[in-house]
PDB file of N, CA and C in Angstrom:
ATOM      1  N   MET A   1    -178.643 -76.615 -37.542  1.00  0.00           N
ATOM      2  CA  MET A   1    -176.872 -77.220 -36.412  1.00  0.00           C
ATOM      3  C   MET A   1    -176.235 -76.872 -37.942  1.00  0.00           C
ATOM      4  N   TYR A   2    -177.015 -76.692 -39.307  1.00  0.00           N
ATOM      5  CA  TYR A   2    -175.444 -76.543 -40.461  1.00  0.00           C
ATOM      6  C   TYR A   2    -175.072 -75.701 -40.093  1.00  0.00           C
ATOM      7  N   LYS A   3    -175.201 -74.714 -39.969  1.00  0.00           N
ATOM      8  CA  LYS A   3    -175.254 -73.298 -40.080  1.00  0.00           C
ATOM      9  C   LYS A   3    -173.976 -72.952 -38.849  1.00  0.00           C
ATOM     10  N   LEU A   4    -174.115 -73.719 -37.714  1.00  0.00           N
ATOM     11  CA  LEU A   4    -173.546 -72.954 -36.922  1.00  0.00           C
ATOM     12  C   LEU A   4    -171.754 -72.529 -36.876  1.00  0.00           C
ATOM     13  N   PRO A   5    -171.319 -73.396 -37.998  1.00  0.00           N
ATOM     14  CA  PRO A   5    -170.111 -73.772 -38.238  1.00  0.00           C
ATOM     15  C   PRO A   5    -169.452 -72.120 -39.509  1.00  0.00           C
ATOM     16  N   ARG A   6    -170.308 -72.128 -40.338  1.00  0.00           N
ATOM     17  CA  ARG A   6    -170.698 -70.594 -41.231  1.00  0.00           C
ATOM     18  C   ARG A   6    -169.794 -69.328 -39.910  1.00  0.00           C
ATOM     19  N   LEU A   7    -171.291 -69.438 -38.733  1.00  0.00           N
ATOM     20  CA  LEU A   7    -171.962 -68.078 -38.303  1.00  0.00           C
ATOM     21  C   LEU A   7    -170.517 -67.604 -37.017  1.00  0.00           C
ATOM     22  N   ASN A   8    -170.554 -66.872 -37.266  1.00  0.00           N
ATOM     23  CA  ASN A   8    -169.097 -65.519 -36.273  1.00  0.00           C
ATOM     24  C   ASN A   8    -170.139 -65.532 -34.243  1.00  0.00           C
ATOM     25  N   ARG A   9    -169.346 -65.337 -33.734  1.00  0.00           N
ATOM     26  CA  ARG A   9    -169.833 -65.393 -32.635  1.00  0.00           C
ATOM     27  C   ARG A   9    -171.514 -64.341 -31.944  1.00  0.00           C
ATOM     28  N   GLU A  10    -171.475 -62.473 -32.737  1.00  0.00           N
ATOM     29  CA  GLU A  10    -172.505 -62.596 -32.282  1.00  0.00           C
ATOM     30  C   GLU A  10    -173.553 -62.978 -33.170  1.00  0.00           C
ATOM     31  N   GLU A  11    -173.505 -63.331 -34.222  1.00  0.00           N
ATOM     32  CA  GLU A  11    -174.533 -63.962 -35.266  1.00  0.00           C
ATOM     33  C   GLU A  11    -175.180 -65.465 -34.484  1.00  0.00           C
ATOM     34  N   ILE A  12    -174.727 -66.413 -33.335  1.00  0.00           N
ATOM     35  CA  ILE A  12    -174.990 -67.155 -32.626  1.00  0.00           C
ATOM     36  C   ILE A  12    -175.377 -66.936 -31.085  1.00  0.00           C
ATOM     37  N   GLN A  13    -174.756 -65.532 -30.267  1.00  0.00           N
ATOM     38  CA  GLN A  13    -175.704 -65.155 -29.630  1.00  0.00           C
ATOM     39  C   GLN A  13    -177.043 -64.380 -29.885  1.00  0.00           C
ATOM     40  N   ALA A  14    -177.348 -64.062 -31.353  1.00  0.00           N
ATOM     41  CA  ALA A  14    -178.357 -63.892 -31.910  1.00  0.00           C
ATOM     42  C   ALA A  14    -180.009 -64.938 -32.170  1.00  0.00           C
ATOM     43  N   MET A  15    -178.577 -65.694 -32.946  1.00  0.00           N
ATOM     44  CA  MET A  15    -179.639 -67.255 -32.491  1.00  0.00           C
ATOM     45  C   MET A  15    -180.429 -67.320 -31.477  1.00  0.00           C
ATOM     46  N   LEU A  16    -178.975 -67.332 -30.336  1.00  0.00           N
ATOM     47  CA  LEU A  16    -179.753 -68.770 -28.923  1.00  0.00           C
ATOM     48  C   LEU A  16    -180.154 -67.841 -28.016  1.00  0.00           C
ATOM     49  N   GLN A  17    -179.953 -66.084 -28.603  1.00  0.00           N
ATOM     50  CA  GLN A  17    -180.454 -65.553 -27.295  1.00  0.00           C
ATOM     51  C   GLN A  17    -180.146 -65.496 -26.176  1.00  0.00           C
ATOM     52  N   VAL A  18    -179.108 -65.067 -26.506  1.00  0.00           N
ATOM     53  CA  VAL A  18    -177.728 -65.242 -25.151  1.00  0.00           C
ATOM     54  C   VAL A  18    -177.479 -63.705 -25.479  1.00  0.00           C
ATOM     55  N   HIS A  19    -177.201 -63.433 -24.012  1.00  0.00           N
ATOM     56  CA  HIS A  19    -176.204 -61.556 -23.914  1.00  0.00           C
ATOM     57  C   HIS A  19    -174.481 -62.214 -24.663  1.00  0.00           C
ATOM     58  N   ASP A  20    -174.050 -63.034 -24.020  1.00  0.00           N
ATOM     59  CA  ASP A  20    -172.364 -62.923 -23.568  1.00  0.00           C
ATOM     60  C   ASP A  20    -172.699 -64.874 -24.033  1.00  0.00           C
ATOM     61  N   ILE A  21    -172.182 -65.372 -25.023  1.00  0.00           N
ATOM     62  CA  ILE A  21    -171.675 -66.847 -25.242  1.00  0.00           C
ATOM     63  C   ILE A  21    -170.902 -67.171 -24.030  1.00  0.00           C
ATOM     64  N   ARG A  22    -169.886 -65.995 -24.276  1.00  0.00           N
ATOM     65  CA  ARG A  22    -168.358 -66.934 -22.765  1.00  0.00           C
ATOM     66  C   ARG A  22    -169.749 -67.066 -21.402  1.00  0.00           C
ATOM     67  N   GLU A  23    -170.300 -66.883 -21.383  1.00  0.00           N
ATOM     68  CA  GLU A  23    -171.060 -67.586 -20.237  1.00  0.00           C
ATOM     69  C   GLU A  23    -171.587 -68.584 -20.217  1.00  0.00           C
ATOM     70  N   SER A  24    -171.534 -68.932 -21.468  1.00  0.00           N
ATOM     71  CA  SER A  24    -172.357 -70.004 -21.944  1.00  0.00           C
ATOM     72  C   SER A  24    -171.571 -71.518 -21.448  1.00  0.00           C
ATOM     73  N   ARG A  25    -172.055 -72.723 -21.233  1.00  0.00           N
ATOM     74  CA  ARG A  25    -171.408 -73.733 -20.297  1.00  0.00           C
ATOM     75  C   ARG A  25    -170.456 -74.148 -22.081  1.00  0.00           C
ATOM     76  N   VAL A  26    -170.805 -74.524 -23.033  1.00  0.00           N
ATOM     77  CA  VAL A  26    -170.953 -75.143 -24.352  1.00  0.00           C
ATOM     78  C   VAL A  26    -169.583 -73.878 -24.439  1.00  0.00           C
ATOM     79  N   TYR A  27    -169.693 -72.541 -24.367  1.00  0.00           N
ATOM     80  CA  TYR A  27    -168.687 -72.017 -24.775  1.00  0.00           C
ATOM     81  C   TYR A  27    -166.986 -72.294 -23.332  1.00  0.00           C
ATOM     82  N   GLN A  28    -167.289 -72.075 -22.334  1.00  0.00           N
ATOM     83  CA  GLN A  28    -166.350 -72.485 -21.271  1.00  0.00           C
ATOM     84  C   GLN A  28    -166.194 -73.738 -20.900  1.00  0.00           C
ATOM     85  N   GLU A  29    -166.307 -74.973 -22.127  1.00  0.00           N
ATOM     86  CA  GLU A  29    -165.745 -76.061 -22.087  1.00  0.00           C
ATOM     87  C   GLU A  29    -165.031 -76.475 -23.190  1.00  0.00           C
ATOM     88  N   ALA A  30    -165.325 -76.028 -24.482  1.00  0.00           N
ATOM     89  CA  ALA A  30    -164.495 -75.887 -26.065  1.00  0.00           C
ATOM     90  C   ALA A  30    -163.630 -74.623 -24.938  1.00  0.00           C
ATOM     91  N   ARG A  31    -164.105 -73.591 -23.946  1.00  0.00           N
ATOM     92  CA  ARG A  31    -162.082 -72.657 -23.965  1.00  0.00           C
ATOM     93  C   ARG A  31    -161.355 -73.447 -22.900  1.00  0.00           C
ATOM     94  N   GLU A  32    -162.092 -74.301 -21.843  1.00  0.00           N
ATOM     95  CA  GLU A  32    -161.010 -75.702 -21.485  1.00  0.00           C
ATOM     96  C   GLU A  32    -159.985 -76.599 -22.226  1.00  0.00           C
ATOM     97  N   GLU A  33    -161.216 -77.226 -23.512  1.00  0.00           N
ATOM     98  CA  GLU A  33    -160.460 -78.384 -24.364  1.00  0.00           C
ATOM     99  C   GLU A  33    -158.824 -77.238 -24.810  1.00  0.00           C
ATOM    100  N   GLY A  34    -159.328 -75.975 -25.486  1.00  0.00           N
ATOM    101  CA  GLY A  34    -158.713 -75.501 -25.892  1.00  0.00           C
ATOM    102  C   GLY A  34    -157.639 -75.369 -25.392  1.00  0.00           C
ATOM    103  N   LEU A  35    -157.182 -75.008 -23.927  1.00  0.00           N
ATOM    104  CA  LEU A  35    -156.090 -74.087 -23.001  1.00  0.00           C
ATOM    105  C   LEU A  35    -155.183 -75.733 -22.888  1.00  0.00           C
ATOM    106  N   GLU A  36    -156.319 -76.417 -22.742  1.00  0.00           N
ATOM    107  CA  GLU A  36    -155.448 -77.835 -22.398  1.00  0.00           C
ATOM    108  C   GLU A  36    -154.653 -78.756 -23.433  1.00  0.00           C
ATOM    109  N   GLU A  37    -155.273 -78.258 -24.813  1.00  0.00           N
ATOM    110  CA  GLU A  37    -154.517 -78.746 -26.254  1.00  0.00           C
ATOM    111  C   GLU A  37    -153.400 -77.097 -25.897  1.00  0.00           C
ATOM    112  N   GLY A  38    -153.393 -76.552 -26.011  1.00  0.00           N
ATOM    113  CA  GLY A  38    -152.617 -75.588 -25.962  1.00  0.00           C
ATOM    114  C   GLY A  38    -151.301 -75.214 -24.799  1.00  0.00           C
ATOM    115  N   LYS A  39    -151.883 -76.370 -24.201  1.00  0.00           N
ATOM    116  CA  LYS A  39    -151.186 -76.641 -22.756  1.00  0.00           C
ATOM    117  C   LYS A  39    -150.142 -77.942 -23.399  1.00  0.00           C
ATOM    118  N   GLN A  40    -150.418 -78.477 -23.837  1.00  0.00           N
ATOM    119  CA  GLN A  40    -150.042 -79.542 -23.994  1.00  0.00           C
ATOM    120  C   GLN A  40    -149.014 -79.106 -25.467  1.00  0.00           C
ATOM    121  N   LYS A  41    -148.889 -78.442 -26.482  1.00  0.00           N
ATOM    122  CA  LYS A  41    -148.198 -78.021 -27.454  1.00  0.00           C
ATOM    123  C   LYS A  41    -147.032 -77.669 -27.040  1.00  0.00           C
ATOM    124  N   GLY A  42    -147.955 -76.576 -25.860  1.00  0.00           N
ATOM    125  CA  GLY A  42    -146.550 -75.415 -25.190  1.00  0.00           C
ATOM    126  C   GLY A  42    -145.778 -76.904 -24.498  1.00  0.00           C
ATOM    127  N   LYS A  43    -145.773 -78.161 -24.398  1.00  0.00           N
ATOM    128  CA  LYS A  43    -144.594 -78.962 -23.432  1.00  0.00           C
ATOM    129  C   LYS A  43    -144.278 -79.561 -24.827  1.00  0.00           C
ATOM    130  N   VAL A  44    -144.320 -79.934 -25.677  1.00  0.00           N
ATOM    131  CA  VAL A  44    -144.294 -80.247 -26.707  1.00  0.00           C
ATOM    132  C   VAL A  44    -142.419 -79.262 -27.260  1.00  0.00           C
ATOM    133  N   GLU A  45    -143.622 -77.965 -27.721  1.00  0.00           N
ATOM    134  CA  GLU A  45    -142.603 -77.620 -28.398  1.00  0.00           C
ATOM    135  C   GLU A  45    -141.405 -76.719 -26.890  1.00  0.00           C
ATOM    136  N   GLY A  46    -141.823 -77.403 -25.743  1.00  0.00           N
ATOM    137  CA  GLY A  46    -140.883 -76.503 -25.367  1.00  0.00           C
ATOM    138  C   GLY A  46    -139.644 -77.722 -24.551  1.00  0.00           C
ATOM    139  N   LYS A  47    -140.469 -79.374 -24.646  1.00  0.00           N
ATOM    140  CA  LYS A  47    -139.090 -80.214 -24.669  1.00  0.00           C
ATOM    141  C   LYS A  47    -138.061 -80.450 -25.975  1.00  0.00           C
ATOM    142  N   GLU A  48    -138.605 -79.961 -26.896  1.00  0.00           N
ATOM    143  CA  GLU A  48    -138.229 -79.523 -28.326  1.00  0.00           C
ATOM    144  C   GLU A  48    -136.869 -78.197 -27.942  1.00  0.00           C
ATOM    145  N   GLU A  49    -137.417 -77.068 -27.792  1.00  0.00           N
ATOM    146  CA  GLU A  49    -136.092 -76.179 -27.881  1.00  0.00           C
ATOM    147  C   GLU A  49    -135.291 -76.480 -26.136  1.00  0.00           C
ATOM    148  N   GLY A  50    -135.341 -76.881 -25.631  1.00  0.00           N
ATOM    149  CA  GLY A  50    -135.283 -77.548 -24.078  1.00  0.00           C
ATOM    150  C   GLY A  50    -133.576 -78.222 -24.488  1.00  0.00           C
ATOM    151  N   LEU A  51    -133.997 -79.500 -25.500  1.00  0.00           N
ATOM    152  CA  LEU A  51    -133.475 -80.330 -26.180  1.00  0.00           C
ATOM    153  C   LEU A  51    -132.616 -79.845 -26.763  1.00  0.00           C
ATOM    154  N   ALA A  52    -133.234 -79.047 -28.253  1.00  0.00           N
ATOM    155  CA  ALA A  52    -132.223 -78.273 -28.814  1.00  0.00           C
ATOM    156  C   ALA A  52    -130.888 -77.088 -28.307  1.00  0.00           C
ATOM    157  N   LEU A  53    -131.319 -76.542 -27.048  1.00  0.00           N
ATOM    158  CA  LEU A  53    -130.466 -75.850 -26.433  1.00  0.00           C
ATOM    159  C   LEU A  53    -128.961 -76.437 -26.049  1.00  0.00           C
ATOM    160  N   ALA A  54    -129.421 -77.567 -25.529  1.00  0.00           N
ATOM    161  CA  ALA A  54    -128.412 -78.815 -24.516  1.00  0.00           C
ATOM    162  C   ALA A  54    -127.535 -79.372 -25.837  1.00  0.00           C
ATOM    163  N   ILE A  55    -128.205 -79.870 -26.964  1.00  0.00           N
ATOM    164  CA  ILE A  55    -127.838 -80.533 -27.954  1.00  0.00           C
ATOM    165  C   ILE A  55    -126.417 -79.178 -28.621  1.00  0.00           C
ATOM    166  N   ALA A  56    -126.933 -77.393 -28.728  1.00  0.00           N
ATOM    167  CA  ALA A  56    -125.667 -77.005 -29.367  1.00  0.00           C
ATOM    168  C   ALA A  56    -124.826 -76.783 -27.691  1.00  0.00           C
ATOM    169  N   ARG A  57    -125.610 -76.519 -26.972  1.00  0.00           N
ATOM    170  CA  ARG A  57    -124.236 -76.427 -26.120  1.00  0.00           C
ATOM    171  C   ARG A  57    -123.531 -77.359 -25.684  1.00  0.00           C
ATOM    172  N   MET A  58    -123.453 -78.472 -26.048  1.00  0.00           N
ATOM    173  CA  MET A  58    -122.821 -80.355 -25.804  1.00  0.00           C
ATOM    174  C   MET A  58    -121.751 -79.610 -27.427  1.00  0.00           C
ATOM    175  N   ALA A  59    -122.175 -79.169 -28.440  1.00  0.00           N
ATOM    176  CA  ALA A  59    -121.689 -78.694 -29.311  1.00  0.00           C
ATOM    177  C   ALA A  59    -120.726 -78.182 -29.475  1.00  0.00           C
ATOM    178  N   ALA A  60    -120.945 -77.266 -28.109  1.00  0.00           N
ATOM    179  CA  ALA A  60    -120.485 -75.744 -28.305  1.00  0.00           C
ATOM    180  C   ALA A  60    -119.201 -75.777 -27.815  1.00  0.00           C
ATOM    181  N   ASN A  61    -119.020 -77.213 -27.509  1.00  0.00           N
ATOM    182  CA  ASN A  61    -117.865 -77.611 -25.886  1.00  0.00           C
ATOM    183  C   ASN A  61    -117.212 -79.058 -26.980  1.00  0.00           C
ATOM    184  N   LYS A  62    -117.408 -79.283 -27.832  1.00  0.00           N
ATOM    185  CA  LYS A  62    -116.605 -79.808 -28.530  1.00  0.00           C
ATOM    186  C   LYS A  62    -117.053 -81.203 -28.914  1.00  0.00           C
ATOM    187  N   MET A  63    -117.524 -82.024 -28.326  1.00  0.00           N
ATOM    188  CA  MET A  63    -118.898 -82.994 -28.418  1.00  0.00           C
ATOM    189  C   MET A  63    -118.967 -83.531 -29.607  1.00  0.00           C
ATOM    190  N   THR A  64    -118.808 -85.021 -30.302  1.00  0.00           N
ATOM    191  CA  THR A  64    -118.970 -85.213 -31.316  1.00  0.00           C
ATOM    192  C   THR A  64    -119.945 -85.383 -31.456  1.00  0.00           C
ATOM    193  N   ILE A  65    -121.472 -85.307 -32.232  1.00  0.00           N
ATOM    194  CA  ILE A  65    -121.954 -85.695 -32.804  1.00  0.00           C
ATOM    195  C   ILE A  65    -122.875 -86.807 -32.143  1.00  0.00           C
ATOM    196  N   GLU A  66    -122.441 -88.259 -32.313  1.00  0.00           N
ATOM    197  CA  GLU A  66    -122.217 -89.503 -31.601  1.00  0.00           C
ATOM    198  C   GLU A  66    -121.953 -89.225 -30.097  1.00  0.00           C
ATOM    199  N   GLN A  67    -121.739 -88.695 -29.917  1.00  0.00           N
ATOM    200  CA  GLN A  67    -121.953 -88.700 -28.300  1.00  0.00           C
ATOM    201  C   GLN A  67    -122.182 -88.019 -27.640  1.00  0.00           C
ATOM    202  N   ILE A  68    -123.538 -86.852 -28.112  1.00  0.00           N
ATOM    203  CA  ILE A  68    -124.002 -86.075 -27.842  1.00  0.00           C
ATOM    204  C   ILE A  68    -125.846 -86.796 -28.705  1.00  0.00           C
ATOM    205  N   ALA A  69    -125.760 -87.830 -29.609  1.00  0.00           N
ATOM    206  CA  ALA A  69    -126.457 -88.583 -29.243  1.00  0.00           C
ATOM    207  C   ALA A  69    -126.123 -89.890 -28.579  1.00  0.00           C
ATOM    208  N   ALA A  70    -125.231 -90.206 -27.935  1.00  0.00           N
ATOM    209  CA  ALA A  70    -125.637 -91.665 -27.196  1.00  0.00           C
ATOM    210  C   ALA A  70    -125.968 -90.767 -25.850  1.00  0.00           C
ATOM    211  N   ILE A  71    -125.394 -89.645 -25.252  1.00  0.00           N
ATOM    212  CA  ILE A  71    -125.806 -89.502 -24.075  1.00  0.00           C
ATOM    213  C   ILE A  71    -127.628 -88.866 -23.952  1.00  0.00           C
ATOM    214  N   LEU A  72    -127.383 -88.138 -24.531  1.00  0.00           N
ATOM    215  CA  LEU A  72    -129.161 -88.216 -24.600  1.00  0.00           C
ATOM    216  C   LEU A  72    -130.014 -88.499 -25.366  1.00  0.00           C
ATOM    217  N   GLU A  73    -129.699 -90.060 -25.558  1.00  0.00           N
ATOM    218  CA  GLU A  73    -130.292 -91.739 -26.366  1.00  0.00           C
ATOM    219  C   GLU A  73    -131.465 -90.635 -27.655  1.00  0.00           C
ATOM    220  N   LEU A  74    -130.029 -90.148 -28.359  1.00  0.00           N
ATOM    221  CA  LEU A  74    -131.325 -90.355 -29.456  1.00  0.00           C
ATOM    222  C   LEU A  74    -131.015 -90.636 -30.829  1.00  0.00           C
ATOM    223  N   ASP A  75    -131.140 -90.056 -31.863  1.00  0.00           N
ATOM    224  CA  ASP A  75    -130.292 -90.958 -33.452  1.00  0.00           C
ATOM    225  C   ASP A  75    -129.547 -89.827 -33.632  1.00  0.00           C
ATOM    226  N   VAL A  76    -128.741 -89.974 -34.103  1.00  0.00           N
ATOM    227  CA  VAL A  76    -127.531 -89.607 -34.690  1.00  0.00           C
ATOM    228  C   VAL A  76    -128.090 -88.442 -35.474  1.00  0.00           C
ATOM    229  N   GLU A  77    -129.282 -88.990 -36.125  1.00  0.00           N
ATOM    230  CA  GLU A  77    -129.615 -88.105 -37.792  1.00  0.00           C
ATOM    231  C   GLU A  77    -130.865 -87.121 -36.886  1.00  0.00           C
ATOM    232  N   ARG A  78    -131.194 -87.462 -36.033  1.00  0.00           N
ATOM    233  CA  ARG A  78    -132.039 -86.077 -35.298  1.00  0.00           C
ATOM    234  C   ARG A  78    -130.946 -85.057 -35.127  1.00  0.00           C
ATOM    235  N   VAL A  79    -129.719 -86.001 -33.837  1.00  0.00           N
ATOM    236  CA  VAL A  79    -129.895 -84.608 -33.500  1.00  0.00           C
ATOM    237  C   VAL A  79    -128.378 -83.743 -34.714  1.00  0.00           C
ATOM    238  N   ARG A  80    -128.290 -84.526 -35.734  1.00  0.00           N
ATOM    239  CA  ARG A  80    -127.225 -83.744 -36.598  1.00  0.00           C
ATOM    240  C   ARG A  80    -128.603 -82.302 -38.095  1.00  0.00           C
ATOM    241  N   HIS A  81    -129.762 -83.013 -37.859  1.00  0.00           N
ATOM    242  CA  HIS A  81    -131.075 -82.770 -38.202  1.00  0.00           C
ATOM    243  C   HIS A  81    -131.110 -80.399 -37.392  1.00  0.00           C
ATOM    244  N   MET A  82    -131.055 -81.398 -36.087  1.00  0.00           N
ATOM    245  CA  MET A  82    -131.440 -80.039 -34.542  1.00  0.00           C
ATOM    246  C   MET A  82    -129.515 -79.491 -34.637  1.00  0.00           C
ATOM    247  N   LEU A  83    -129.137 -79.665 -34.805  1.00  0.00           N
ATOM    248  CA  LEU A  83    -127.963 -78.824 -35.151  1.00  0.00           C
ATOM    249  C   LEU A  83    -128.324 -77.796 -36.430  1.00  0.00           C
ATOM    250  N   ALA A  84    -128.118 -78.570 -37.589  1.00  0.00           N
ATOM    251  CA  ALA A  84    -128.107 -77.955 -38.303  1.00  0.00           C
ATOM    252  C   ALA A  84    -129.416 -77.217 -38.832  1.00  0.00           C
ATOM    253  N   ALA A  85    -130.499 -76.721 -37.736  1.00  0.00           N
ATOM    254  CA  ALA A  85    -131.789 -76.716 -38.014  1.00  0.00           C
ATOM    255  C   ALA A  85    -131.682 -74.966 -36.671  1.00  0.00           C
ATOM    256  N   HIS A  86    -130.098 -75.562 -35.735  1.00  0.00           N
ATOM    257  CA  HIS A  86    -129.814 -74.362 -34.402  1.00  0.00           C
ATOM    258  C   HIS A  86    -128.400 -72.973 -36.020  1.00  0.00           C
ATOM    259  N   GLY A  87    -128.438 -73.608 -36.772  1.00  0.00           N
ATOM    260  CA  GLY A  87    -126.775 -72.576 -37.551  1.00  0.00           C
ATOM    261  C   GLY A  87    -125.406 -73.280 -37.261  1.00  0.00           C
ATOM    262  N   GLN A  88    -125.803 -74.476 -36.833  1.00  0.00           N
ATOM    263  CA  GLN A  88    -124.628 -74.717 -36.081  1.00  0.00           C
ATOM    264  C   GLN A  88    -124.016 -76.342 -37.417  1.00  0.00           C
ATOM    265  N   LYS A  89    -123.522 -76.390 -38.453  1.00  0.00           N
ATOM    266  CA  LYS A  89    -123.010 -76.991 -38.810  1.00  0.00           C
ATOM    267  C   LYS A  89    -122.050 -78.026 -38.496  1.00  0.00           C
ATOM    268  N   ARG A  90    -121.617 -79.456 -38.380  1.00  0.00           N
ATOM    269  CA  ARG A  90    -121.047 -80.541 -37.945  1.00  0.00           C
ATOM    270  C   ARG A  90    -120.383 -81.207 -39.175  1.00  0.00           C
TER     271      ARG A  90
END
């Protein structure tokens, strides 16, 4: 078992004497876990991206940082940081 982290897919297939490791249960489970983690990460990144877009649009419509923060129920510093990250200074 101590060798597994250092072996590549072909070496593990040869060691376990399987034709295609992708057909194994452990591979399928690991793949599903990876896909689920990717979905969760994508949701978080998508929410942040949407929030940044909303903040940018509000700022473009001459809303103050304080107004944006109040509407979105965010800290003023977070709004300021997101605007700065997207090239808008105020």
